Amino acid sequence: MQTVAAHRAYRLTCRAPDGRCWAVEAGDVFSCLMELRRQAEPAGVQLCCQGSRRDAWSSGMQRDMGQGLSVYLLEGIPRGQRPPQVPTLAPVTAELAVTVEEQLAWHERWLASLGE
């Protein structure tokens, strides 16, 4: 007999002072944050947390084993060195937060640079 562990679902909600509200559910916190940002950004809402930084990314292991509660900060880290980890939802200044599209584009360029 095989036992399968129940898969957790995480929920993030963002409420704007004017009453607008966005809520998402996903299998990990980083995925929730990405989807919440996709919903809120068209309305001009920017979520200012570590997971919204251009160089922030949650690895598969961080998502599977750590529920996406932390992200790596990948910029400027020499090859072979482990990047620093920070809490996904910890606050940052607005200057450090970018859109989901900017973050995805930066991450794709970063991945491509690994093959150089």
PDB file of N, CA and C in Angstrom:
ATOM      1  N   MET A   1       0.840  -1.184   0.000  1.00  0.00           N
ATOM      2  CA  MET A   1       0.000   0.000   0.000  1.00  0.00           C
ATOM      3  C   MET A   1       0.882   1.243   0.000  1.00  0.00           C
ATOM      4  N   GLN A   2       0.588   2.174  -0.878  1.00  0.00           N
ATOM      5  CA  GLN A   2       1.366   3.396  -0.990  1.00  0.00           C
ATOM      6  C   GLN A   2       0.574   4.559  -0.397  1.00  0.00           C
ATOM      7  N   THR A   3       1.276   5.366   0.390  1.00  0.00           N
ATOM      8  CA  THR A   3       0.646   6.529   0.991  1.00  0.00           C
ATOM      9  C   THR A   3       1.173   7.777   0.298  1.00  0.00           C
ATOM     10  N   VAL A   4       0.291   8.676  -0.049  1.00  0.00           N
ATOM     11  CA  VAL A   4       0.676   9.927  -0.687  1.00  0.00           C
ATOM     12  C   VAL A   4       0.354  11.068   0.272  1.00  0.00           C
ATOM     13  N   ALA A   5       1.354  11.892   0.535  1.00  0.00           N
ATOM     14  CA  ALA A   5       1.145  13.032   1.430  1.00  0.00           C
ATOM     15  C   ALA A   5       0.222  14.046   0.767  1.00  0.00           C
ATOM     16  N   ALA A   6      -0.629  14.643   1.570  1.00  0.00           N
ATOM     17  CA  ALA A   6      -1.533  15.675   1.067  1.00  0.00           C
ATOM     18  C   ALA A   6      -0.724  16.890   0.609  1.00  0.00           C
ATOM     19  N   HIS A   7      -1.100  17.426  -0.524  1.00  0.00           N
ATOM     20  CA  HIS A   7      -0.423  18.601  -1.060  1.00  0.00           C
ATOM     21  C   HIS A   7      -1.029  19.850  -0.441  1.00  0.00           C
ATOM     22  N   ARG A   8      -0.182  20.703   0.088  1.00  0.00           N
ATOM     23  CA  ARG A   8      -0.657  21.936   0.698  1.00  0.00           C
ATOM     24  C   ARG A   8      -0.985  22.962  -0.364  1.00  0.00           C
ATOM     25  N   ALA A   9      -1.920  23.794  -0.034  1.00  0.00           N
ATOM     26  CA  ALA A   9      -2.216  24.954  -0.874  1.00  0.00           C
ATOM     27  C   ALA A   9      -1.990  26.193  -0.022  1.00  0.00           C
ATOM     28  N   TYR A  10      -1.372  27.170  -0.606  1.00  0.00           N
ATOM     29  CA  TYR A  10      -1.117  28.434   0.076  1.00  0.00           C
ATOM     30  C   TYR A  10      -1.985  29.496  -0.563  1.00  0.00           C
ATOM     31  N   ARG A  11      -2.383  30.464   0.227  1.00  0.00           N
ATOM     32  CA  ARG A  11      -3.243  31.540  -0.254  1.00  0.00           C
ATOM     33  C   ARG A  11      -2.643  32.874   0.163  1.00  0.00           C
ATOM     34  N   LEU A  12      -2.522  33.783  -0.806  1.00  0.00           N
ATOM     35  CA  LEU A  12      -2.102  35.153  -0.532  1.00  0.00           C
ATOM     36  C   LEU A  12      -3.226  36.081  -0.960  1.00  0.00           C
ATOM     37  N   THR A  13      -3.454  37.094  -0.151  1.00  0.00           N
ATOM     38  CA  THR A  13      -4.482  38.089  -0.434  1.00  0.00           C
ATOM     39  C   THR A  13      -3.867  39.468  -0.319  1.00  0.00           C
ATOM     40  N   CYS A  14      -4.223  40.344  -1.228  1.00  0.00           N
ATOM     41  CA  CYS A  14      -3.773  41.729  -1.204  1.00  0.00           C
ATOM     42  C   CYS A  14      -5.016  42.616  -1.242  1.00  0.00           C
ATOM     43  N   ARG A  15      -5.117  43.495  -0.260  1.00  0.00           N
ATOM     44  CA  ARG A  15      -6.234  44.441  -0.223  1.00  0.00           C
ATOM     45  C   ARG A  15      -5.683  45.855  -0.337  1.00  0.00           C
ATOM     46  N   ALA A  16      -6.173  46.591  -1.312  1.00  0.00           N
ATOM     47  CA  ALA A  16      -5.769  47.979  -1.508  1.00  0.00           C
ATOM     48  C   ALA A  16      -6.620  48.880  -0.609  1.00  0.00           C
ATOM     49  N   PRO A  17      -6.092  50.031  -0.238  1.00  0.00           N
ATOM     50  CA  PRO A  17      -6.861  50.955   0.605  1.00  0.00           C
ATOM     51  C   PRO A  17      -8.207  51.366   0.008  1.00  0.00           C
ATOM     52  N   ASP A  18      -8.315  51.322  -1.317  1.00  0.00           N
ATOM     53  CA  ASP A  18      -9.572  51.720  -1.961  1.00  0.00           C
ATOM     54  C   ASP A  18     -10.594  50.586  -2.032  1.00  0.00           C
ATOM     55  N   GLY A  19     -10.279  49.428  -1.429  1.00  0.00           N
ATOM     56  CA  GLY A  19     -11.223  48.315  -1.377  1.00  0.00           C
ATOM     57  C   GLY A  19     -10.993  47.219  -2.397  1.00  0.00           C
ATOM     58  N   ARG A  20     -10.147  47.465  -3.395  1.00  0.00           N
ATOM     59  CA  ARG A  20      -9.860  46.391  -4.356  1.00  0.00           C
ATOM     60  C   ARG A  20      -9.155  45.253  -3.639  1.00  0.00           C
ATOM     61  N   CYS A  21      -9.399  44.036  -4.107  1.00  0.00           N
ATOM     62  CA  CYS A  21      -8.827  42.862  -3.444  1.00  0.00           C
ATOM     63  C   CYS A  21      -8.458  41.825  -4.494  1.00  0.00           C
ATOM     64  N   TRP A  22      -7.307  41.198  -4.288  1.00  0.00           N
ATOM     65  CA  TRP A  22      -6.851  40.111  -5.142  1.00  0.00           C
ATOM     66  C   TRP A  22      -6.469  38.948  -4.227  1.00  0.00           C
ATOM     67  N   ALA A  23      -6.793  37.731  -4.633  1.00  0.00           N
ATOM     68  CA  ALA A  23      -6.450  36.545  -3.837  1.00  0.00           C
ATOM     69  C   ALA A  23      -6.092  35.404  -4.784  1.00  0.00           C
ATOM     70  N   VAL A  24      -5.075  34.654  -4.412  1.00  0.00           N
ATOM     71  CA  VAL A  24      -4.640  33.517  -5.228  1.00  0.00           C
ATOM     72  C   VAL A  24      -4.302  32.342  -4.323  1.00  0.00           C
ATOM     73  N   GLU A  25      -4.362  31.166  -4.890  1.00  0.00           N
ATOM     74  CA  GLU A  25      -3.917  29.945  -4.216  1.00  0.00           C
ATOM     75  C   GLU A  25      -2.962  29.220  -5.144  1.00  0.00           C
ATOM     76  N   ALA A  26      -1.933  28.630  -4.555  1.00  0.00           N
ATOM     77  CA  ALA A  26      -0.962  27.841  -5.323  1.00  0.00           C
ATOM     78  C   ALA A  26      -0.273  26.877  -4.369  1.00  0.00           C
ATOM     79  N   GLY A  27       0.568  26.037  -4.918  1.00  0.00           N
ATOM     80  CA  GLY A  27       1.242  25.011  -4.136  1.00  0.00           C
ATOM     81  C   GLY A  27       2.400  25.504  -3.296  1.00  0.00           C
ATOM     82  N   ASP A  28       2.855  26.750  -3.523  1.00  0.00           N
ATOM     83  CA  ASP A  28       3.928  27.319  -2.713  1.00  0.00           C
ATOM     84  C   ASP A  28       3.786  28.837  -2.694  1.00  0.00           C
ATOM     85  N   VAL A  29       4.458  29.473  -1.758  1.00  0.00           N
ATOM     86  CA  VAL A  29       4.323  30.913  -1.550  1.00  0.00           C
ATOM     87  C   VAL A  29       4.866  31.717  -2.733  1.00  0.00           C
ATOM     88  N   PHE A  30       6.009  31.304  -3.302  1.00  0.00           N
ATOM     89  CA  PHE A  30       6.569  32.047  -4.433  1.00  0.00           C
ATOM     90  C   PHE A  30       5.612  32.020  -5.624  1.00  0.00           C
ATOM     91  N   SER A  31       5.024  30.876  -5.915  1.00  0.00           N
ATOM     92  CA  SER A  31       4.055  30.785  -7.017  1.00  0.00           C
ATOM     93  C   SER A  31       2.842  31.666  -6.740  1.00  0.00           C
ATOM     94  N   CYS A  32       2.374  31.673  -5.496  1.00  0.00           N
ATOM     95  CA  CYS A  32       1.267  32.564  -5.116  1.00  0.00           C
ATOM     96  C   CYS A  32       1.635  34.017  -5.385  1.00  0.00           C
ATOM     97  N   LEU A  33       2.823  34.399  -4.950  1.00  0.00           N
ATOM     98  CA  LEU A  33       3.256  35.782  -5.124  1.00  0.00           C
ATOM     99  C   LEU A  33       3.314  36.154  -6.607  1.00  0.00           C
ATOM    100  N   MET A  34       3.872  35.287  -7.440  1.00  0.00           N
ATOM    101  CA  MET A  34       3.963  35.583  -8.870  1.00  0.00           C
ATOM    102  C   MET A  34       2.573  35.792  -9.459  1.00  0.00           C
ATOM    103  N   GLU A  35       1.622  34.932  -9.121  1.00  0.00           N
ATOM    104  CA  GLU A  35       0.269  35.049  -9.661  1.00  0.00           C
ATOM    105  C   GLU A  35      -0.455  36.278  -9.096  1.00  0.00           C
ATOM    106  N   LEU A  36      -0.259  36.556  -7.825  1.00  0.00           N
ATOM    107  CA  LEU A  36      -0.871  37.738  -7.217  1.00  0.00           C
ATOM    108  C   LEU A  36      -0.366  39.010  -7.906  1.00  0.00           C
ATOM    109  N   ARG A  37       0.916  39.050  -8.184  1.00  0.00           N
ATOM    110  CA  ARG A  37       1.496  40.202  -8.891  1.00  0.00           C
ATOM    111  C   ARG A  37       0.933  40.313 -10.303  1.00  0.00           C
ATOM    112  N   ARG A  38       0.743  39.183 -10.988  1.00  0.00           N
ATOM    113  CA  ARG A  38       0.163  39.206 -12.339  1.00  0.00           C
ATOM    114  C   ARG A  38      -1.240  39.823 -12.317  1.00  0.00           C
ATOM    115  N   GLN A  39      -1.967  39.587 -11.252  1.00  0.00           N
ATOM    116  CA  GLN A  39      -3.318  40.138 -11.133  1.00  0.00           C
ATOM    117  C   GLN A  39      -3.304  41.611 -10.739  1.00  0.00           C
ATOM    118  N   ALA A  40      -2.454  41.984  -9.815  1.00  0.00           N
ATOM    119  CA  ALA A  40      -2.469  43.334  -9.248  1.00  0.00           C
ATOM    120  C   ALA A  40      -1.727  44.366 -10.103  1.00  0.00           C
ATOM    121  N   GLU A  41      -0.684  43.959 -10.795  1.00  0.00           N
ATOM    122  CA  GLU A  41       0.133  44.913 -11.552  1.00  0.00           C
ATOM    123  C   GLU A  41      -0.643  45.678 -12.621  1.00  0.00           C
ATOM    124  N   PRO A  42      -1.563  45.048 -13.372  1.00  0.00           N
ATOM    125  CA  PRO A  42      -2.320  45.827 -14.361  1.00  0.00           C
ATOM    126  C   PRO A  42      -3.139  46.966 -13.737  1.00  0.00           C
ATOM    127  N   ALA A  43      -3.456  46.849 -12.454  1.00  0.00           N
ATOM    128  CA  ALA A  43      -4.201  47.895 -11.745  1.00  0.00           C
ATOM    129  C   ALA A  43      -3.261  48.936 -11.144  1.00  0.00           C
ATOM    130  N   GLY A  44      -1.947  48.809 -11.419  1.00  0.00           N
ATOM    131  CA  GLY A  44      -0.977  49.767 -10.907  1.00  0.00           C
ATOM    132  C   GLY A  44      -0.487  49.474  -9.507  1.00  0.00           C
ATOM    133  N   VAL A  45      -0.750  48.273  -9.002  1.00  0.00           N
ATOM    134  CA  VAL A  45      -0.323  47.888  -7.659  1.00  0.00           C
ATOM    135  C   VAL A  45       0.997  47.138  -7.747  1.00  0.00           C
ATOM    136  N   GLN A  46       1.979  47.618  -7.008  1.00  0.00           N
ATOM    137  CA  GLN A  46       3.292  46.988  -6.974  1.00  0.00           C
ATOM    138  C   GLN A  46       3.504  46.384  -5.588  1.00  0.00           C
ATOM    139  N   LEU A  47       3.802  45.109  -5.530  1.00  0.00           N
ATOM    140  CA  LEU A  47       4.059  44.437  -4.255  1.00  0.00           C
ATOM    141  C   LEU A  47       5.553  44.511  -3.974  1.00  0.00           C
ATOM    142  N   CYS A  48       5.905  45.150  -2.882  1.00  0.00           N
ATOM    143  CA  CYS A  48       7.311  45.429  -2.557  1.00  0.00           C
ATOM    144  C   CYS A  48       7.832  44.434  -1.521  1.00  0.00           C
ATOM    145  N   CYS A  49       8.215  43.264  -2.013  1.00  0.00           N
ATOM    146  CA  CYS A  49       8.785  42.240  -1.142  1.00  0.00           C
ATOM    147  C   CYS A  49       9.980  41.607  -1.856  1.00  0.00           C
ATOM    148  N   GLN A  50      10.782  40.877  -1.101  1.00  0.00           N
ATOM    149  CA  GLN A  50      11.997  40.278  -1.657  1.00  0.00           C
ATOM    150  C   GLN A  50      11.709  39.431  -2.897  1.00  0.00           C
ATOM    151  N   GLY A  51      10.603  38.707  -2.890  1.00  0.00           N
ATOM    152  CA  GLY A  51      10.251  37.866  -4.031  1.00  0.00           C
ATOM    153  C   GLY A  51       9.897  38.639  -5.284  1.00  0.00           C
ATOM    154  N   SER A  52       9.778  39.966  -5.175  1.00  0.00           N
ATOM    155  CA  SER A  52       9.466  40.828  -6.316  1.00  0.00           C
ATOM    156  C   SER A  52      10.702  41.521  -6.883  1.00  0.00           C
ATOM    157  N   ARG A  53      11.860  41.185  -6.364  1.00  0.00           N
ATOM    158  CA  ARG A  53      13.100  41.780  -6.877  1.00  0.00           C
ATOM    159  C   ARG A  53      13.450  41.183  -8.233  1.00  0.00           C
ATOM    160  N   ARG A  54      14.135  41.957  -9.028  1.00  0.00           N
ATOM    161  CA  ARG A  54      14.555  41.527 -10.368  1.00  0.00           C
ATOM    162  C   ARG A  54      15.383  40.252 -10.304  1.00  0.00           C
ATOM    163  N   ASP A  55      16.281  40.164  -9.334  1.00  0.00           N
ATOM    164  CA  ASP A  55      17.224  39.043  -9.259  1.00  0.00           C
ATOM    165  C   ASP A  55      16.782  37.937  -8.302  1.00  0.00           C
ATOM    166  N   ALA A  56      15.548  38.001  -7.832  1.00  0.00           N
ATOM    167  CA  ALA A  56      15.059  36.988  -6.880  1.00  0.00           C
ATOM    168  C   ALA A  56      14.431  35.812  -7.616  1.00  0.00           C
ATOM    169  N   TRP A  57      14.726  34.610  -7.132  1.00  0.00           N
ATOM    170  CA  TRP A  57      14.112  33.415  -7.714  1.00  0.00           C
ATOM    171  C   TRP A  57      14.093  32.314  -6.673  1.00  0.00           C
ATOM    172  N   SER A  58      12.985  31.588  -6.621  1.00  0.00           N
ATOM    173  CA  SER A  58      12.851  30.451  -5.719  1.00  0.00           C
ATOM    174  C   SER A  58      13.083  29.178  -6.533  1.00  0.00           C
ATOM    175  N   SER A  59      14.067  28.406  -6.139  1.00  0.00           N
ATOM    176  CA  SER A  59      14.406  27.180  -6.874  1.00  0.00           C
ATOM    177  C   SER A  59      13.336  26.115  -6.650  1.00  0.00           C
ATOM    178  N   GLY A  60      13.411  25.080  -7.457  1.00  0.00           N
ATOM    179  CA  GLY A  60      12.482  23.965  -7.290  1.00  0.00           C
ATOM    180  C   GLY A  60      12.561  23.354  -5.904  1.00  0.00           C
ATOM    181  N   MET A  61      13.776  23.213  -5.382  1.00  0.00           N
ATOM    182  CA  MET A  61      13.938  22.642  -4.046  1.00  0.00           C
ATOM    183  C   MET A  61      13.359  23.589  -2.983  1.00  0.00           C
ATOM    184  N   GLN A  62      13.583  24.894  -3.151  1.00  0.00           N
ATOM    185  CA  GLN A  62      13.013  25.848  -2.200  1.00  0.00           C
ATOM    186  C   GLN A  62      11.487  25.779  -2.220  1.00  0.00           C
ATOM    187  N   ARG A  63      10.922  25.543  -3.382  1.00  0.00           N
ATOM    188  CA  ARG A  63       9.466  25.457  -3.492  1.00  0.00           C
ATOM    189  C   ARG A  63       8.938  24.127  -2.952  1.00  0.00           C
ATOM    190  N   ASP A  64       9.610  23.038  -3.291  1.00  0.00           N
ATOM    191  CA  ASP A  64       9.147  21.715  -2.858  1.00  0.00           C
ATOM    192  C   ASP A  64       9.357  21.478  -1.365  1.00  0.00           C
ATOM    193  N   MET A  65      10.540  21.774  -0.891  1.00  0.00           N
ATOM    194  CA  MET A  65      10.876  21.435   0.487  1.00  0.00           C
ATOM    195  C   MET A  65      10.697  22.610   1.451  1.00  0.00           C
ATOM    196  N   GLY A  66      10.711  23.824   0.917  1.00  0.00           N
ATOM    197  CA  GLY A  66      10.597  25.001   1.776  1.00  0.00           C
ATOM    198  C   GLY A  66       9.365  25.829   1.501  1.00  0.00           C
ATOM    199  N   GLN A  67       8.438  25.278   0.726  1.00  0.00           N
ATOM    200  CA  GLN A  67       7.166  25.912   0.411  1.00  0.00           C
ATOM    201  C   GLN A  67       7.306  27.285  -0.255  1.00  0.00           C
ATOM    202  N   GLY A  68       8.467  27.567  -0.850  1.00  0.00           N
ATOM    203  CA  GLY A  68       8.680  28.839  -1.534  1.00  0.00           C
ATOM    204  C   GLY A  68       8.749  30.025  -0.591  1.00  0.00           C
ATOM    205  N   LEU A  69       9.047  29.742   0.674  1.00  0.00           N
ATOM    206  CA  LEU A  69       9.116  30.804   1.677  1.00  0.00           C
ATOM    207  C   LEU A  69      10.405  31.618   1.593  1.00  0.00           C
ATOM    208  N   SER A  70      11.369  31.152   0.783  1.00  0.00           N
ATOM    209  CA  SER A  70      12.602  31.912   0.606  1.00  0.00           C
ATOM    210  C   SER A  70      12.967  31.937  -0.875  1.00  0.00           C
ATOM    211  N   VAL A  71      13.750  32.952  -1.223  1.00  0.00           N
ATOM    212  CA  VAL A  71      14.236  33.118  -2.596  1.00  0.00           C
ATOM    213  C   VAL A  71      15.742  33.337  -2.556  1.00  0.00           C
ATOM    214  N   TYR A  72      16.398  32.978  -3.648  1.00  0.00           N
ATOM    215  CA  TYR A  72      17.803  33.315  -3.820  1.00  0.00           C
ATOM    216  C   TYR A  72      17.896  34.693  -4.461  1.00  0.00           C
ATOM    217  N   LEU A  73      18.928  35.446  -4.109  1.00  0.00           N
ATOM    218  CA  LEU A  73      19.257  36.698  -4.792  1.00  0.00           C
ATOM    219  C   LEU A  73      20.452  36.396  -5.675  1.00  0.00           C
ATOM    220  N   LEU A  74      20.234  36.364  -6.981  1.00  0.00           N
ATOM    221  CA  LEU A  74      21.185  35.777  -7.923  1.00  0.00           C
ATOM    222  C   LEU A  74      22.191  36.743  -8.538  1.00  0.00           C
ATOM    223  N   GLU A  75      21.943  38.019  -8.483  1.00  0.00           N
ATOM    224  CA  GLU A  75      22.821  38.970  -9.183  1.00  0.00           C
ATOM    225  C   GLU A  75      24.187  39.083  -8.518  1.00  0.00           C
ATOM    226  N   GLY A  76      25.224  39.038  -9.364  1.00  0.00           N
ATOM    227  CA  GLY A  76      26.586  39.277  -8.901  1.00  0.00           C
ATOM    228  C   GLY A  76      27.214  38.141  -8.116  1.00  0.00           C
ATOM    229  N   ILE A  77      26.627  36.966  -8.162  1.00  0.00           N
ATOM    230  CA  ILE A  77      27.172  35.826  -7.425  1.00  0.00           C
ATOM    231  C   ILE A  77      28.091  35.038  -8.363  1.00  0.00           C
ATOM    232  N   PRO A  78      29.352  34.867  -7.983  1.00  0.00           N
ATOM    233  CA  PRO A  78      30.272  34.102  -8.838  1.00  0.00           C
ATOM    234  C   PRO A  78      29.794  32.664  -9.043  1.00  0.00           C
ATOM    235  N   ARG A  79      30.086  32.149 -10.216  1.00  0.00           N
ATOM    236  CA  ARG A  79      29.715  30.770 -10.556  1.00  0.00           C
ATOM    237  C   ARG A  79      30.271  29.807  -9.509  1.00  0.00           C
ATOM    238  N   GLY A  80      29.432  28.881  -9.084  1.00  0.00           N
ATOM    239  CA  GLY A  80      29.844  27.889  -8.106  1.00  0.00           C
ATOM    240  C   GLY A  80      29.642  28.320  -6.662  1.00  0.00           C
ATOM    241  N   GLN A  81      29.281  29.569  -6.453  1.00  0.00           N
ATOM    242  CA  GLN A  81      29.048  30.051  -5.091  1.00  0.00           C
ATOM    243  C   GLN A  81      27.540  30.095  -4.832  1.00  0.00           C
ATOM    244  N   ARG A  82      27.156  29.707  -3.644  1.00  0.00           N
ATOM    245  CA  ARG A  82      25.736  29.691  -3.301  1.00  0.00           C
ATOM    246  C   ARG A  82      25.245  31.118  -3.040  1.00  0.00           C
ATOM    247  N   PRO A  83      24.143  31.510  -3.707  1.00  0.00           N
ATOM    248  CA  PRO A  83      23.626  32.858  -3.500  1.00  0.00           C
ATOM    249  C   PRO A  83      22.935  32.993  -2.140  1.00  0.00           C
ATOM    250  N   PRO A  84      22.846  34.221  -1.637  1.00  0.00           N
ATOM    251  CA  PRO A  84      22.146  34.421  -0.366  1.00  0.00           C
ATOM    252  C   PRO A  84      20.653  34.144  -0.516  1.00  0.00           C
ATOM    253  N   GLN A  85      20.038  33.700   0.581  1.00  0.00           N
ATOM    254  CA  GLN A  85      18.604  33.468   0.622  1.00  0.00           C
ATOM    255  C   GLN A  85      17.964  34.504   1.530  1.00  0.00           C
ATOM    256  N   VAL A  86      16.793  34.946   1.145  1.00  0.00           N
ATOM    257  CA  VAL A  86      16.027  35.889   1.956  1.00  0.00           C
ATOM    258  C   VAL A  86      14.568  35.423   1.981  1.00  0.00           C
ATOM    259  N   PRO A  87      13.801  35.835   2.990  1.00  0.00           N
ATOM    260  CA  PRO A  87      12.384  35.473   3.029  1.00  0.00           C
ATOM    261  C   PRO A  87      11.620  36.083   1.850  1.00  0.00           C
ATOM    262  N   THR A  88      10.830  35.302   1.176  1.00  0.00           N
ATOM    263  CA  THR A  88      10.089  35.724  -0.009  1.00  0.00           C
ATOM    264  C   THR A  88       9.238  36.964   0.245  1.00  0.00           C
ATOM    265  N   LEU A  89       8.567  37.011   1.371  1.00  0.00           N
ATOM    266  CA  LEU A  89       7.622  38.092   1.633  1.00  0.00           C
ATOM    267  C   LEU A  89       8.191  39.222   2.490  1.00  0.00           C
ATOM    268  N   ALA A  90       9.492  39.199   2.769  1.00  0.00           N
ATOM    269  CA  ALA A  90      10.107  40.289   3.538  1.00  0.00           C
ATOM    270  C   ALA A  90      10.049  41.572   2.704  1.00  0.00           C
ATOM    271  N   PRO A  91       9.832  42.709   3.339  1.00  0.00           N
ATOM    272  CA  PRO A  91       9.677  43.963   2.588  1.00  0.00           C
ATOM    273  C   PRO A  91      10.971  44.463   1.954  1.00  0.00           C
ATOM    274  N   VAL A  92      10.807  45.175   0.837  1.00  0.00           N
ATOM    275  CA  VAL A  92      11.892  45.901   0.173  1.00  0.00           C
ATOM    276  C   VAL A  92      11.349  47.261  -0.253  1.00  0.00           C
ATOM    277  N   THR A  93      12.256  48.159  -0.587  1.00  0.00           N
ATOM    278  CA  THR A  93      11.829  49.466  -1.079  1.00  0.00           C
ATOM    279  C   THR A  93      11.245  49.319  -2.484  1.00  0.00           C
ATOM    280  N   ALA A  94      10.427  50.256  -2.869  1.00  0.00           N
ATOM    281  CA  ALA A  94       9.788  50.228  -4.189  1.00  0.00           C
ATOM    282  C   ALA A  94      10.822  50.225  -5.313  1.00  0.00           C
ATOM    283  N   GLU A  95      11.988  50.815  -5.075  1.00  0.00           N
ATOM    284  CA  GLU A  95      13.022  50.861  -6.107  1.00  0.00           C
ATOM    285  C   GLU A  95      13.552  49.471  -6.462  1.00  0.00           C
ATOM    286  N   LEU A  96      13.467  48.537  -5.542  1.00  0.00           N
ATOM    287  CA  LEU A  96      13.977  47.186  -5.798  1.00  0.00           C
ATOM    288  C   LEU A  96      12.934  46.259  -6.422  1.00  0.00           C
ATOM    289  N   ALA A  97      11.671  46.569  -6.286  1.00  0.00           N
ATOM    290  CA  ALA A  97      10.607  45.723  -6.825  1.00  0.00           C
ATOM    291  C   ALA A  97      10.395  46.018  -8.307  1.00  0.00           C
ATOM    292  N   VAL A  98      10.178  44.966  -9.088  1.00  0.00           N
ATOM    293  CA  VAL A  98       9.930  45.090 -10.529  1.00  0.00           C
ATOM    294  C   VAL A  98       8.659  44.324 -10.879  1.00  0.00           C
ATOM    295  N   THR A  99       8.244  44.428 -12.127  1.00  0.00           N
ATOM    296  CA  THR A  99       7.076  43.671 -12.571  1.00  0.00           C
ATOM    297  C   THR A  99       7.452  42.197 -12.759  1.00  0.00           C
ATOM    298  N   VAL A 100       6.443  41.366 -12.836  1.00  0.00           N
ATOM    299  CA  VAL A 100       6.671  39.941 -13.088  1.00  0.00           C
ATOM    300  C   VAL A 100       7.406  39.764 -14.416  1.00  0.00           C
ATOM    301  N   GLU A 101       6.986  40.491 -15.439  1.00  0.00           N
ATOM    302  CA  GLU A 101       7.622  40.358 -16.762  1.00  0.00           C
ATOM    303  C   GLU A 101       9.098  40.741 -16.717  1.00  0.00           C
ATOM    304  N   GLU A 102       9.428  41.810 -15.998  1.00  0.00           N
ATOM    305  CA  GLU A 102      10.833  42.201 -15.867  1.00  0.00           C
ATOM    306  C   GLU A 102      11.635  41.124 -15.132  1.00  0.00           C
ATOM    307  N   GLN A 103      11.042  40.554 -14.100  1.00  0.00           N
ATOM    308  CA  GLN A 103      11.714  39.518 -13.329  1.00  0.00           C
ATOM    309  C   GLN A 103      11.930  38.262 -14.180  1.00  0.00           C
ATOM    310  N   LEU A 104      10.909  37.851 -14.916  1.00  0.00           N
ATOM    311  CA  LEU A 104      11.028  36.665 -15.770  1.00  0.00           C
ATOM    312  C   LEU A 104      12.083  36.879 -16.856  1.00  0.00           C
ATOM    313  N   ALA A 105      12.099  38.060 -17.461  1.00  0.00           N
ATOM    314  CA  ALA A 105      13.089  38.351 -18.508  1.00  0.00           C
ATOM    315  C   ALA A 105      14.505  38.322 -17.935  1.00  0.00           C
ATOM    316  N   TRP A 106      14.692  38.910 -16.745  1.00  0.00           N
ATOM    317  CA  TRP A 106      16.011  38.905 -16.127  1.00  0.00           C
ATOM    318  C   TRP A 106      16.439  37.466 -15.826  1.00  0.00           C
ATOM    319  N   HIS A 107      15.513  36.654 -15.297  1.00  0.00           N
ATOM    320  CA  HIS A 107      15.837  35.275 -14.945  1.00  0.00           C
ATOM    321  C   HIS A 107      16.223  34.464 -16.190  1.00  0.00           C
ATOM    322  N   GLU A 108      15.520  34.683 -17.290  1.00  0.00           N
ATOM    323  CA  GLU A 108      15.874  33.989 -18.534  1.00  0.00           C
ATOM    324  C   GLU A 108      17.280  34.381 -18.998  1.00  0.00           C
ATOM    325  N   ARG A 109      17.607  35.678 -18.932  1.00  0.00           N
ATOM    326  CA  ARG A 109      18.960  36.122 -19.312  1.00  0.00           C
ATOM    327  C   ARG A 109      20.002  35.512 -18.373  1.00  0.00           C
ATOM    328  N   TRP A 110      19.693  35.450 -17.100  1.00  0.00           N
ATOM    329  CA  TRP A 110      20.613  34.875 -16.113  1.00  0.00           C
ATOM    330  C   TRP A 110      20.860  33.395 -16.430  1.00  0.00           C
ATOM    331  N   LEU A 111      19.778  32.654 -16.705  1.00  0.00           N
ATOM    332  CA  LEU A 111      19.938  31.239 -17.060  1.00  0.00           C
ATOM    333  C   LEU A 111      20.787  31.073 -18.312  1.00  0.00           C
ATOM    334  N   ALA A 112      20.533  31.905 -19.317  1.00  0.00           N
ATOM    335  CA  ALA A 112      21.308  31.832 -20.568  1.00  0.00           C
ATOM    336  C   ALA A 112      22.772  32.118 -20.316  1.00  0.00           C
ATOM    337  N   SER A 113      23.067  33.020 -19.382  1.00  0.00           N
ATOM    338  CA  SER A 113      24.468  33.361 -19.098  1.00  0.00           C
ATOM    339  C   SER A 113      25.226  32.195 -18.454  1.00  0.00           C
ATOM    340  N   LEU A 114      24.524  31.278 -17.843  1.00  0.00           N
ATOM    341  CA  LEU A 114      25.171  30.120 -17.223  1.00  0.00           C
ATOM    342  C   LEU A 114      25.783  29.198 -18.268  1.00  0.00           C
ATOM    343  N   GLY A 115      25.200  29.207 -19.474  1.00  0.00           N
ATOM    344  CA  GLY A 115      25.699  28.355 -20.537  1.00  0.00           C
ATOM    345  C   GLY A 115      26.867  28.938 -21.300  1.00  0.00           C
ATOM    346  N   GLU A 116      27.217  30.178 -21.017  1.00  0.00           N
ATOM    347  CA  GLU A 116      28.308  30.848 -21.754  1.00  0.00           C
ATOM    348  C   GLU A 116      29.659  30.340 -21.339  1.00  0.00           C
TER     349      GLU A 116
END
